[in-house]
Amino acid sequence: QGLDQPGSAAFYQLIADIRDDIGCAVLMVSHELHVVMASSDRVICLNGHICCEGHPAHVASAPEYRALFGTGTGGALALYRHEHDHNHDHNHQEHSHETSE
């Protein structure tokens, strides 16, 4: 936050360059989904629990991700509206996301 578009691009390029030069992992926590999906080898989508995880293409096609962010532009630019009750099961078993109306 707080960077203009060229500054943001330079920042993420610097992170990628350091990762490549040193050969280290980078943990990115961001709500900028288009950046996360474009620059990550592995994505973990959190919404109070792990909704889905894996390669960005796998995550973008996951029903849990699509339910949260929609299907337009891979869901990466969709607006997020948090309006449902959670039935959390923290042992990563299937759980329902019922819409409250």
PDB file of N, CA and C in Angstrom:
ATOM      1  N   GLN A   1       0.831  -1.176   0.000  1.00  0.00           N
ATOM      2  CA  GLN A   1       0.000   0.000   0.000  1.00  0.00           C
ATOM      3  C   GLN A   1       0.876   1.239   0.000  1.00  0.00           C
ATOM      4  N   GLY A   2       0.374   2.291  -0.591  1.00  0.00           N
ATOM      5  CA  GLY A   2       1.097   3.540  -0.595  1.00  0.00           C
ATOM      6  C   GLY A   2       2.076   3.692  -1.740  1.00  0.00           C
ATOM      7  N   LEU A   3       2.184   2.711  -2.612  1.00  0.00           N
ATOM      8  CA  LEU A   3       3.075   2.808  -3.763  1.00  0.00           C
ATOM      9  C   LEU A   3       2.259   3.075  -5.016  1.00  0.00           C
ATOM     10  N   ASP A   4       2.800   3.911  -5.906  1.00  0.00           N
ATOM     11  CA  ASP A   4       2.144   4.075  -7.195  1.00  0.00           C
ATOM     12  C   ASP A   4       2.436   2.835  -8.039  1.00  0.00           C
ATOM     13  N   GLN A   5       1.831   2.739  -9.203  1.00  0.00           N
ATOM     14  CA  GLN A   5       1.976   1.530 -10.014  1.00  0.00           C
ATOM     15  C   GLN A   5       3.432   1.232 -10.381  1.00  0.00           C
ATOM     16  N   PRO A   6       4.222   2.201 -10.863  1.00  0.00           N
ATOM     17  CA  PRO A   6       5.630   1.893 -11.156  1.00  0.00           C
ATOM     18  C   PRO A   6       6.409   1.488  -9.902  1.00  0.00           C
ATOM     19  N   GLY A   7       6.130   2.135  -8.772  1.00  0.00           N
ATOM     20  CA  GLY A   7       6.801   1.779  -7.529  1.00  0.00           C
ATOM     21  C   GLY A   7       6.437   0.386  -7.064  1.00  0.00           C
ATOM     22  N   SER A   8       5.172   0.041  -7.208  1.00  0.00           N
ATOM     23  CA  SER A   8       4.707  -1.295  -6.838  1.00  0.00           C
ATOM     24  C   SER A   8       5.360  -2.356  -7.719  1.00  0.00           C
ATOM     25  N   ALA A   9       5.420  -2.102  -9.023  1.00  0.00           N
ATOM     26  CA  ALA A   9       6.055  -3.050  -9.951  1.00  0.00           C
ATOM     27  C   ALA A   9       7.533  -3.220  -9.610  1.00  0.00           C
ATOM     28  N   ALA A  10       8.215  -2.121  -9.307  1.00  0.00           N
ATOM     29  CA  ALA A  10       9.633  -2.189  -8.950  1.00  0.00           C
ATOM     30  C   ALA A  10       9.833  -2.956  -7.646  1.00  0.00           C
ATOM     31  N   PHE A  11       8.935  -2.753  -6.682  1.00  0.00           N
ATOM     32  CA  PHE A  11       9.013  -3.451  -5.400  1.00  0.00           C
ATOM     33  C   PHE A  11       8.894  -4.962  -5.593  1.00  0.00           C
ATOM     34  N   TYR A  12       7.879  -5.391  -6.340  1.00  0.00           N
ATOM     35  CA  TYR A  12       7.689  -6.825  -6.557  1.00  0.00           C
ATOM     36  C   TYR A  12       8.805  -7.416  -7.408  1.00  0.00           C
ATOM     37  N   GLN A  13       9.360  -6.640  -8.332  1.00  0.00           N
ATOM     38  CA  GLN A  13      10.492  -7.120  -9.122  1.00  0.00           C
ATOM     39  C   GLN A  13      11.720  -7.299  -8.237  1.00  0.00           C
ATOM     40  N   LEU A  14      11.934  -6.378  -7.306  1.00  0.00           N
ATOM     41  CA  LEU A  14      13.045  -6.491  -6.364  1.00  0.00           C
ATOM     42  C   LEU A  14      12.907  -7.754  -5.517  1.00  0.00           C
ATOM     43  N   ILE A  15      11.711  -8.033  -5.044  1.00  0.00           N
ATOM     44  CA  ILE A  15      11.481  -9.264  -4.276  1.00  0.00           C
ATOM     45  C   ILE A  15      11.812 -10.487  -5.126  1.00  0.00           C
ATOM     46  N   ALA A  16      11.359 -10.506  -6.378  1.00  0.00           N
ATOM     47  CA  ALA A  16      11.635 -11.638  -7.270  1.00  0.00           C
ATOM     48  C   ALA A  16      13.132 -11.771  -7.530  1.00  0.00           C
ATOM     49  N   ASP A  17      13.819 -10.661  -7.737  1.00  0.00           N
ATOM     50  CA  ASP A  17      15.267 -10.701  -7.981  1.00  0.00           C
ATOM     51  C   ASP A  17      16.016 -11.250  -6.777  1.00  0.00           C
ATOM     52  N   ILE A  18      15.653 -10.798  -5.583  1.00  0.00           N
ATOM     53  CA  ILE A  18      16.299 -11.301  -4.366  1.00  0.00           C
ATOM     54  C   ILE A  18      16.029 -12.792  -4.207  1.00  0.00           C
ATOM     55  N   ARG A  19      14.785 -13.208  -4.430  1.00  0.00           N
ATOM     56  CA  ARG A  19      14.436 -14.633  -4.343  1.00  0.00           C
ATOM     57  C   ARG A  19      15.294 -15.454  -5.296  1.00  0.00           C
ATOM     58  N   ASP A  20      15.426 -14.979  -6.536  1.00  0.00           N
ATOM     59  CA  ASP A  20      16.195 -15.719  -7.537  1.00  0.00           C
ATOM     60  C   ASP A  20      17.689 -15.710  -7.225  1.00  0.00           C
ATOM     61  N   ASP A  21      18.225 -14.572  -6.775  1.00  0.00           N
ATOM     62  CA  ASP A  21      19.658 -14.458  -6.483  1.00  0.00           C
ATOM     63  C   ASP A  21      20.066 -15.299  -5.287  1.00  0.00           C
ATOM     64  N   ILE A  22      19.266 -15.262  -4.237  1.00  0.00           N
ATOM     65  CA  ILE A  22      19.608 -15.966  -3.006  1.00  0.00           C
ATOM     66  C   ILE A  22      19.097 -17.406  -3.021  1.00  0.00           C
ATOM     67  N   GLY A  23      18.033 -17.645  -3.758  1.00  0.00           N
ATOM     68  CA  GLY A  23      17.442 -18.976  -3.794  1.00  0.00           C
ATOM     69  C   GLY A  23      16.613 -19.270  -2.558  1.00  0.00           C
ATOM     70  N   CYS A  24      15.962 -18.242  -2.038  1.00  0.00           N
ATOM     71  CA  CYS A  24      15.183 -18.415  -0.816  1.00  0.00           C
ATOM     72  C   CYS A  24      13.687 -18.386  -1.124  1.00  0.00           C
ATOM     73  N   ALA A  25      12.922 -18.823  -0.165  1.00  0.00           N
ATOM     74  CA  ALA A  25      11.468 -18.735  -0.274  1.00  0.00           C
ATOM     75  C   ALA A  25      11.024 -17.347   0.163  1.00  0.00           C
ATOM     76  N   VAL A  26       9.906 -16.907  -0.374  1.00  0.00           N
ATOM     77  CA  VAL A  26       9.321 -15.624   0.008  1.00  0.00           C
ATOM     78  C   VAL A  26       7.887 -15.884   0.439  1.00  0.00           C
ATOM     79  N   LEU A  27       7.542 -15.428   1.616  1.00  0.00           N
ATOM     80  CA  LEU A  27       6.167 -15.515   2.095  1.00  0.00           C
ATOM     81  C   LEU A  27       5.507 -14.168   1.842  1.00  0.00           C
ATOM     82  N   MET A  28       4.506 -14.164   0.970  1.00  0.00           N
ATOM     83  CA  MET A  28       3.795 -12.933   0.632  1.00  0.00           C
ATOM     84  C   MET A  28       2.391 -13.015   1.206  1.00  0.00           C
ATOM     85  N   VAL A  29       2.021 -12.033   1.981  1.00  0.00           N
ATOM     86  CA  VAL A  29       0.667 -11.932   2.509  1.00  0.00           C
ATOM     87  C   VAL A  29       0.070 -10.684   1.888  1.00  0.00           C
ATOM     88  N   SER A  30      -0.964 -10.864   1.068  1.00  0.00           N
ATOM     89  CA  SER A  30      -1.489  -9.726   0.323  1.00  0.00           C
ATOM     90  C   SER A  30      -2.943  -9.934  -0.044  1.00  0.00           C
ATOM     91  N   HIS A  31      -3.666  -8.823  -0.154  1.00  0.00           N
ATOM     92  CA  HIS A  31      -5.014  -8.844  -0.702  1.00  0.00           C
ATOM     93  C   HIS A  31      -5.005  -8.485  -2.175  1.00  0.00           C
ATOM     94  N   GLU A  32      -3.831  -8.203  -2.740  1.00  0.00           N
ATOM     95  CA  GLU A  32      -3.703  -7.898  -4.162  1.00  0.00           C
ATOM     96  C   GLU A  32      -3.622  -9.221  -4.922  1.00  0.00           C
ATOM     97  N   LEU A  33      -4.788  -9.809  -5.162  1.00  0.00           N
ATOM     98  CA  LEU A  33      -4.842 -11.164  -5.698  1.00  0.00           C
ATOM     99  C   LEU A  33      -4.198 -11.285  -7.062  1.00  0.00           C
ATOM    100  N   HIS A  34      -4.298 -10.250  -7.900  1.00  0.00           N
ATOM    101  CA  HIS A  34      -3.679 -10.320  -9.217  1.00  0.00           C
ATOM    102  C   HIS A  34      -2.163 -10.440  -9.092  1.00  0.00           C
ATOM    103  N   VAL A  35      -1.567  -9.790  -8.110  1.00  0.00           N
ATOM    104  CA  VAL A  35      -0.125  -9.897  -7.889  1.00  0.00           C
ATOM    105  C   VAL A  35       0.216 -11.271  -7.327  1.00  0.00           C
ATOM    106  N   VAL A  36      -0.541 -11.713  -6.351  1.00  0.00           N
ATOM    107  CA  VAL A  36      -0.295 -13.021  -5.741  1.00  0.00           C
ATOM    108  C   VAL A  36      -0.357 -14.121  -6.793  1.00  0.00           C
ATOM    109  N   MET A  37      -1.403 -14.123  -7.597  1.00  0.00           N
ATOM    110  CA  MET A  37      -1.582 -15.181  -8.595  1.00  0.00           C
ATOM    111  C   MET A  37      -0.507 -15.136  -9.680  1.00  0.00           C
ATOM    112  N   ALA A  38      -0.051 -13.941 -10.026  1.00  0.00           N
ATOM    113  CA  ALA A  38       0.937 -13.811 -11.099  1.00  0.00           C
ATOM    114  C   ALA A  38       2.360 -14.102 -10.634  1.00  0.00           C
ATOM    115  N   SER A  39       2.638 -13.950  -9.345  1.00  0.00           N
ATOM    116  CA  SER A  39       4.030 -14.024  -8.906  1.00  0.00           C
ATOM    117  C   SER A  39       4.327 -15.171  -7.947  1.00  0.00           C
ATOM    118  N   SER A  40       3.377 -16.055  -7.735  1.00  0.00           N
ATOM    119  CA  SER A  40       3.566 -17.123  -6.750  1.00  0.00           C
ATOM    120  C   SER A  40       3.631 -18.492  -7.402  1.00  0.00           C
ATOM    121  N   ASP A  41       4.420 -19.371  -6.776  1.00  0.00           N
ATOM    122  CA  ASP A  41       4.467 -20.774  -7.184  1.00  0.00           C
ATOM    123  C   ASP A  41       3.406 -21.579  -6.449  1.00  0.00           C
ATOM    124  N   ARG A  42       3.055 -21.109  -5.255  1.00  0.00           N
ATOM    125  CA  ARG A  42       2.075 -21.792  -4.412  1.00  0.00           C
ATOM    126  C   ARG A  42       1.257 -20.729  -3.693  1.00  0.00           C
ATOM    127  N   VAL A  43      -0.047 -20.941  -3.639  1.00  0.00           N
ATOM    128  CA  VAL A  43      -0.964 -19.996  -3.011  1.00  0.00           C
ATOM    129  C   VAL A  43      -1.760 -20.723  -1.934  1.00  0.00           C
ATOM    130  N   ILE A  44      -1.935 -20.074  -0.810  1.00  0.00           N
ATOM    131  CA  ILE A  44      -2.825 -20.565   0.238  1.00  0.00           C
ATOM    132  C   ILE A  44      -3.878 -19.487   0.442  1.00  0.00           C
ATOM    133  N   CYS A  45      -5.120 -19.815   0.172  1.00  0.00           N
ATOM    134  CA  CYS A  45      -6.227 -18.869   0.294  1.00  0.00           C
ATOM    135  C   CYS A  45      -6.849 -19.041   1.678  1.00  0.00           C
ATOM    136  N   LEU A  46      -6.796 -17.965   2.470  1.00  0.00           N
ATOM    137  CA  LEU A  46      -7.307 -17.988   3.837  1.00  0.00           C
ATOM    138  C   LEU A  46      -8.571 -17.154   3.952  1.00  0.00           C
ATOM    139  N   ASN A  47      -9.519 -17.669   4.694  1.00  0.00           N
ATOM    140  CA  ASN A  47     -10.731 -16.925   5.030  1.00  0.00           C
ATOM    141  C   ASN A  47     -11.209 -17.436   6.386  1.00  0.00           C
ATOM    142  N   GLY A  48     -10.401 -17.185   7.400  1.00  0.00           N
ATOM    143  CA  GLY A  48     -10.682 -17.728   8.719  1.00  0.00           C
ATOM    144  C   GLY A  48     -10.195 -19.157   8.865  1.00  0.00           C
ATOM    145  N   HIS A  49      -9.890 -19.785   7.762  1.00  0.00           N
ATOM    146  CA  HIS A  49      -9.346 -21.131   7.687  1.00  0.00           C
ATOM    147  C   HIS A  49      -8.739 -21.281   6.294  1.00  0.00           C
ATOM    148  N   ILE A  50      -8.060 -22.379   6.022  1.00  0.00           N
ATOM    149  CA  ILE A  50      -7.515 -22.608   4.687  1.00  0.00           C
ATOM    150  C   ILE A  50      -8.653 -23.068   3.783  1.00  0.00           C
ATOM    151  N   CYS A  51      -9.016 -22.202   2.839  1.00  0.00           N
ATOM    152  CA  CYS A  51     -10.097 -22.523   1.892  1.00  0.00           C
ATOM    153  C   CYS A  51      -9.605 -23.467   0.806  1.00  0.00           C
ATOM    154  N   CYS A  52      -8.431 -23.155   0.249  1.00  0.00           N
ATOM    155  CA  CYS A  52      -7.841 -23.958  -0.806  1.00  0.00           C
ATOM    156  C   CYS A  52      -6.373 -23.586  -0.907  1.00  0.00           C
ATOM    157  N   GLU A  53      -5.598 -24.451  -1.528  1.00  0.00           N
ATOM    158  CA  GLU A  53      -4.170 -24.204  -1.656  1.00  0.00           C
ATOM    159  C   GLU A  53      -3.616 -24.969  -2.838  1.00  0.00           C
ATOM    160  N   GLY A  54      -2.472 -24.501  -3.335  1.00  0.00           N
ATOM    161  CA  GLY A  54      -1.802 -25.164  -4.435  1.00  0.00           C
ATOM    162  C   GLY A  54      -1.265 -24.167  -5.443  1.00  0.00           C
ATOM    163  N   HIS A  55      -1.002 -24.659  -6.645  1.00  0.00           N
ATOM    164  CA  HIS A  55      -0.541 -23.817  -7.749  1.00  0.00           C
ATOM    165  C   HIS A  55      -1.620 -22.768  -8.035  1.00  0.00           C
ATOM    166  N   PRO A  56      -1.241 -21.552  -8.419  1.00  0.00           N
ATOM    167  CA  PRO A  56      -2.242 -20.506  -8.665  1.00  0.00           C
ATOM    168  C   PRO A  56      -3.374 -20.926  -9.610  1.00  0.00           C
ATOM    169  N   ALA A  57      -3.072 -21.674 -10.657  1.00  0.00           N
ATOM    170  CA  ALA A  57      -4.128 -22.113 -11.580  1.00  0.00           C
ATOM    171  C   ALA A  57      -5.106 -23.050 -10.885  1.00  0.00           C
ATOM    172  N   HIS A  58      -4.588 -23.908 -10.016  1.00  0.00           N
ATOM    173  CA  HIS A  58      -5.443 -24.827  -9.260  1.00  0.00           C
ATOM    174  C   HIS A  58      -6.334 -24.046  -8.289  1.00  0.00           C
ATOM    175  N   VAL A  59      -5.747 -23.085  -7.588  1.00  0.00           N
ATOM    176  CA  VAL A  59      -6.510 -22.285  -6.625  1.00  0.00           C
ATOM    177  C   VAL A  59      -7.588 -21.475  -7.337  1.00  0.00           C
ATOM    178  N   ALA A  60      -7.236 -20.847  -8.467  1.00  0.00           N
ATOM    179  CA  ALA A  60      -8.198 -20.014  -9.199  1.00  0.00           C
ATOM    180  C   ALA A  60      -9.395 -20.813  -9.686  1.00  0.00           C
ATOM    181  N   SER A  61      -9.216 -22.114  -9.892  1.00  0.00           N
ATOM    182  CA  SER A  61     -10.329 -22.940 -10.364  1.00  0.00           C
ATOM    183  C   SER A  61     -11.045 -23.676  -9.230  1.00  0.00           C
ATOM    184  N   ALA A  62     -10.559 -23.532  -8.008  1.00  0.00           N
ATOM    185  CA  ALA A  62     -11.170 -24.221  -6.866  1.00  0.00           C
ATOM    186  C   ALA A  62     -12.542 -23.624  -6.557  1.00  0.00           C
ATOM    187  N   PRO A  63     -13.535 -24.462  -6.296  1.00  0.00           N
ATOM    188  CA  PRO A  63     -14.878 -23.961  -5.975  1.00  0.00           C
ATOM    189  C   PRO A  63     -14.892 -23.001  -4.786  1.00  0.00           C
ATOM    190  N   GLU A  64     -14.050 -23.259  -3.790  1.00  0.00           N
ATOM    191  CA  GLU A  64     -14.012 -22.396  -2.610  1.00  0.00           C
ATOM    192  C   GLU A  64     -13.530 -20.986  -2.976  1.00  0.00           C
ATOM    193  N   TYR A  65     -12.519 -20.917  -3.822  1.00  0.00           N
ATOM    194  CA  TYR A  65     -11.984 -19.624  -4.265  1.00  0.00           C
ATOM    195  C   TYR A  65     -13.016 -18.884  -5.104  1.00  0.00           C
ATOM    196  N   ARG A  66     -13.643 -19.609  -6.026  1.00  0.00           N
ATOM    197  CA  ARG A  66     -14.646 -18.987  -6.897  1.00  0.00           C
ATOM    198  C   ARG A  66     -15.858 -18.507  -6.102  1.00  0.00           C
ATOM    199  N   ALA A  67     -16.205 -19.223  -5.045  1.00  0.00           N
ATOM    200  CA  ALA A  67     -17.331 -18.792  -4.210  1.00  0.00           C
ATOM    201  C   ALA A  67     -17.011 -17.472  -3.505  1.00  0.00           C
ATOM    202  N   LEU A  68     -15.753 -17.282  -3.138  1.00  0.00           N
ATOM    203  CA  LEU A  68     -15.349 -16.049  -2.463  1.00  0.00           C
ATOM    204  C   LEU A  68     -15.156 -14.882  -3.420  1.00  0.00           C
ATOM    205  N   PHE A  69     -14.518 -15.144  -4.578  1.00  0.00           N
ATOM    206  CA  PHE A  69     -14.064 -14.050  -5.433  1.00  0.00           C
ATOM    207  C   PHE A  69     -14.691 -14.028  -6.816  1.00  0.00           C
ATOM    208  N   GLY A  70     -15.524 -14.985  -7.145  1.00  0.00           N
ATOM    209  CA  GLY A  70     -16.155 -14.995  -8.459  1.00  0.00           C
ATOM    210  C   GLY A  70     -15.279 -15.626  -9.525  1.00  0.00           C
ATOM    211  N   THR A  71     -15.761 -15.575 -10.749  1.00  0.00           N
ATOM    212  CA  THR A  71     -15.052 -16.223 -11.853  1.00  0.00           C
ATOM    213  C   THR A  71     -14.493 -15.233 -12.862  1.00  0.00           C
ATOM    214  N   GLY A  72     -14.906 -13.984 -12.830  1.00  0.00           N
ATOM    215  CA  GLY A  72     -14.390 -12.993 -13.768  1.00  0.00           C
ATOM    216  C   GLY A  72     -12.911 -12.751 -13.552  1.00  0.00           C
ATOM    217  N   THR A  73     -12.137 -12.704 -14.614  1.00  0.00           N
ATOM    218  CA  THR A  73     -10.679 -12.523 -14.590  1.00  0.00           C
ATOM    219  C   THR A  73     -10.021 -13.490 -13.607  1.00  0.00           C
ATOM    220  N   GLY A  74     -10.503 -14.719 -13.580  1.00  0.00           N
ATOM    221  CA  GLY A  74      -9.940 -15.702 -12.667  1.00  0.00           C
ATOM    222  C   GLY A  74     -10.240 -15.380 -11.222  1.00  0.00           C
ATOM    223  N   GLY A  75     -11.186 -14.474 -10.986  1.00  0.00           N
ATOM    224  CA  GLY A  75     -11.507 -14.072  -9.632  1.00  0.00           C
ATOM    225  C   GLY A  75     -10.522 -13.082  -9.052  1.00  0.00           C
ATOM    226  N   ALA A  76      -9.435 -12.800  -9.777  1.00  0.00           N
ATOM    227  CA  ALA A  76      -8.348 -12.007  -9.219  1.00  0.00           C
ATOM    228  C   ALA A  76      -8.711 -10.546  -9.005  1.00  0.00           C
ATOM    229  N   LEU A  77      -9.645 -10.010  -9.765  1.00  0.00           N
ATOM    230  CA  LEU A  77      -9.976  -8.600  -9.630  1.00  0.00           C
ATOM    231  C   LEU A  77     -11.384  -8.384  -9.102  1.00  0.00           C
ATOM    232  N   ALA A  78     -12.031  -9.456  -8.667  1.00  0.00           N
ATOM    233  CA  ALA A  78     -13.403  -9.349  -8.175  1.00  0.00           C
ATOM    234  C   ALA A  78     -13.423  -8.664  -6.813  1.00  0.00           C
ATOM    235  N   LEU A  79     -14.521  -8.011  -6.516  1.00  0.00           N
ATOM    236  CA  LEU A  79     -14.686  -7.418  -5.199  1.00  0.00           C
ATOM    237  C   LEU A  79     -15.053  -8.505  -4.206  1.00  0.00           C
ATOM    238  N   TYR A  80     -14.544  -8.392  -3.012  1.00  0.00           N
ATOM    239  CA  TYR A  80     -14.780  -9.377  -1.977  1.00  0.00           C
ATOM    240  C   TYR A  80     -15.891  -8.887  -1.066  1.00  0.00           C
ATOM    241  N   ARG A  81     -16.916  -9.695  -0.915  1.00  0.00           N
ATOM    242  CA  ARG A  81     -18.006  -9.385   0.012  1.00  0.00           C
ATOM    243  C   ARG A  81     -18.145 -10.546   0.971  1.00  0.00           C
ATOM    244  N   HIS A  82     -17.948 -10.287   2.231  1.00  0.00           N
ATOM    245  CA  HIS A  82     -17.988 -11.325   3.257  1.00  0.00           C
ATOM    246  C   HIS A  82     -19.350 -11.268   3.937  1.00  0.00           C
ATOM    247  N   GLU A  83     -20.284 -12.083   3.447  1.00  0.00           N
ATOM    248  CA  GLU A  83     -21.643 -12.021   3.975  1.00  0.00           C
ATOM    249  C   GLU A  83     -22.210 -13.391   4.304  1.00  0.00           C
ATOM    250  N   HIS A  84     -21.384 -14.345   4.658  1.00  0.00           N
ATOM    251  CA  HIS A  84     -21.925 -15.664   4.942  1.00  0.00           C
ATOM    252  C   HIS A  84     -21.464 -16.146   6.314  1.00  0.00           C
ATOM    253  N   ASP A  85     -22.239 -17.071   6.859  1.00  0.00           N
ATOM    254  CA  ASP A  85     -21.865 -17.693   8.115  1.00  0.00           C
ATOM    255  C   ASP A  85     -20.885 -18.812   7.812  1.00  0.00           C
ATOM    256  N   HIS A  86     -20.009 -19.082   8.762  1.00  0.00           N
ATOM    257  CA  HIS A  86     -19.029 -20.141   8.573  1.00  0.00           C
ATOM    258  C   HIS A  86     -19.398 -21.354   9.401  1.00  0.00           C
ATOM    259  N   ASN A  87     -19.179 -22.482   8.823  1.00  0.00           N
ATOM    260  CA  ASN A  87     -19.279 -23.737   9.524  1.00  0.00           C
ATOM    261  C   ASN A  87     -17.877 -24.323   9.468  1.00  0.00           C
ATOM    262  N   HIS A  88     -16.967 -23.812  10.330  1.00  0.00           N
ATOM    263  CA  HIS A  88     -15.550 -24.146  10.254  1.00  0.00           C
ATOM    264  C   HIS A  88     -15.284 -25.549  10.751  1.00  0.00           C
ATOM    265  N   ASP A  89     -14.496 -26.252   9.978  1.00  0.00           N
ATOM    266  CA  ASP A  89     -14.008 -27.563  10.365  1.00  0.00           C
ATOM    267  C   ASP A  89     -12.501 -27.505  10.181  1.00  0.00           C
ATOM    268  N   HIS A  90     -11.755 -27.302  11.252  1.00  0.00           N
ATOM    269  CA  HIS A  90     -10.331 -27.032  11.148  1.00  0.00           C
ATOM    270  C   HIS A  90      -9.481 -28.265  10.893  1.00  0.00           C
ATOM    271  N   ASN A  91     -10.076 -29.416  10.672  1.00  0.00           N
ATOM    272  CA  ASN A  91      -9.275 -30.560  10.259  1.00  0.00           C
ATOM    273  C   ASN A  91      -9.315 -30.715   8.745  1.00  0.00           C
ATOM    274  N   HIS A  92      -9.698 -29.641   8.048  1.00  0.00           N
ATOM    275  CA  HIS A  92      -9.672 -29.512   6.590  1.00  0.00           C
ATOM    276  C   HIS A  92     -10.621 -30.470   5.876  1.00  0.00           C
ATOM    277  N   GLN A  93     -11.687 -30.872   6.544  1.00  0.00           N
ATOM    278  CA  GLN A  93     -12.721 -31.666   5.908  1.00  0.00           C
ATOM    279  C   GLN A  93     -13.671 -30.731   5.185  1.00  0.00           C
ATOM    280  N   GLU A  94     -14.482 -31.284   4.314  1.00  0.00           N
ATOM    281  CA  GLU A  94     -15.456 -30.471   3.596  1.00  0.00           C
ATOM    282  C   GLU A  94     -16.356 -29.755   4.597  1.00  0.00           C
ATOM    283  N   HIS A  95     -16.700 -28.532   4.307  1.00  0.00           N
ATOM    284  CA  HIS A  95     -17.613 -27.767   5.136  1.00  0.00           C
ATOM    285  C   HIS A  95     -18.452 -26.896   4.222  1.00  0.00           C
ATOM    286  N   SER A  96     -19.551 -26.453   4.748  1.00  0.00           N
ATOM    287  CA  SER A  96     -20.461 -25.673   3.908  1.00  0.00           C
ATOM    288  C   SER A  96     -20.270 -24.192   4.153  1.00  0.00           C
ATOM    289  N   HIS A  97     -20.551 -23.407   3.131  1.00  0.00           N
ATOM    290  CA  HIS A  97     -20.588 -21.952   3.228  1.00  0.00           C
ATOM    291  C   HIS A  97     -22.002 -21.557   2.848  1.00  0.00           C
ATOM    292  N   GLU A  98     -22.834 -21.371   3.849  1.00  0.00           N
ATOM    293  CA  GLU A  98     -24.223 -21.018   3.587  1.00  0.00           C
ATOM    294  C   GLU A  98     -24.352 -19.509   3.567  1.00  0.00           C
ATOM    295  N   THR A  99     -25.046 -19.000   2.563  1.00  0.00           N
ATOM    296  CA  THR A  99     -25.244 -17.561   2.440  1.00  0.00           C
ATOM    297  C   THR A  99     -26.346 -17.122   3.379  1.00  0.00           C
ATOM    298  N   SER A 100     -26.069 -16.101   4.188  1.00  0.00           N
ATOM    299  CA  SER A 100     -27.109 -15.552   5.061  1.00  0.00           C
ATOM    300  C   SER A 100     -27.814 -14.436   4.311  1.00  0.00           C
ATOM    301  N   GLU A 101     -29.107 -14.465   4.336  1.00  0.00           N
ATOM    302  CA  GLU A 101     -29.877 -13.454   3.613  1.00  0.00           C
ATOM    303  C   GLU A 101     -30.870 -12.798   4.516  1.00  0.00           C
TER     304      GLU A 101
END
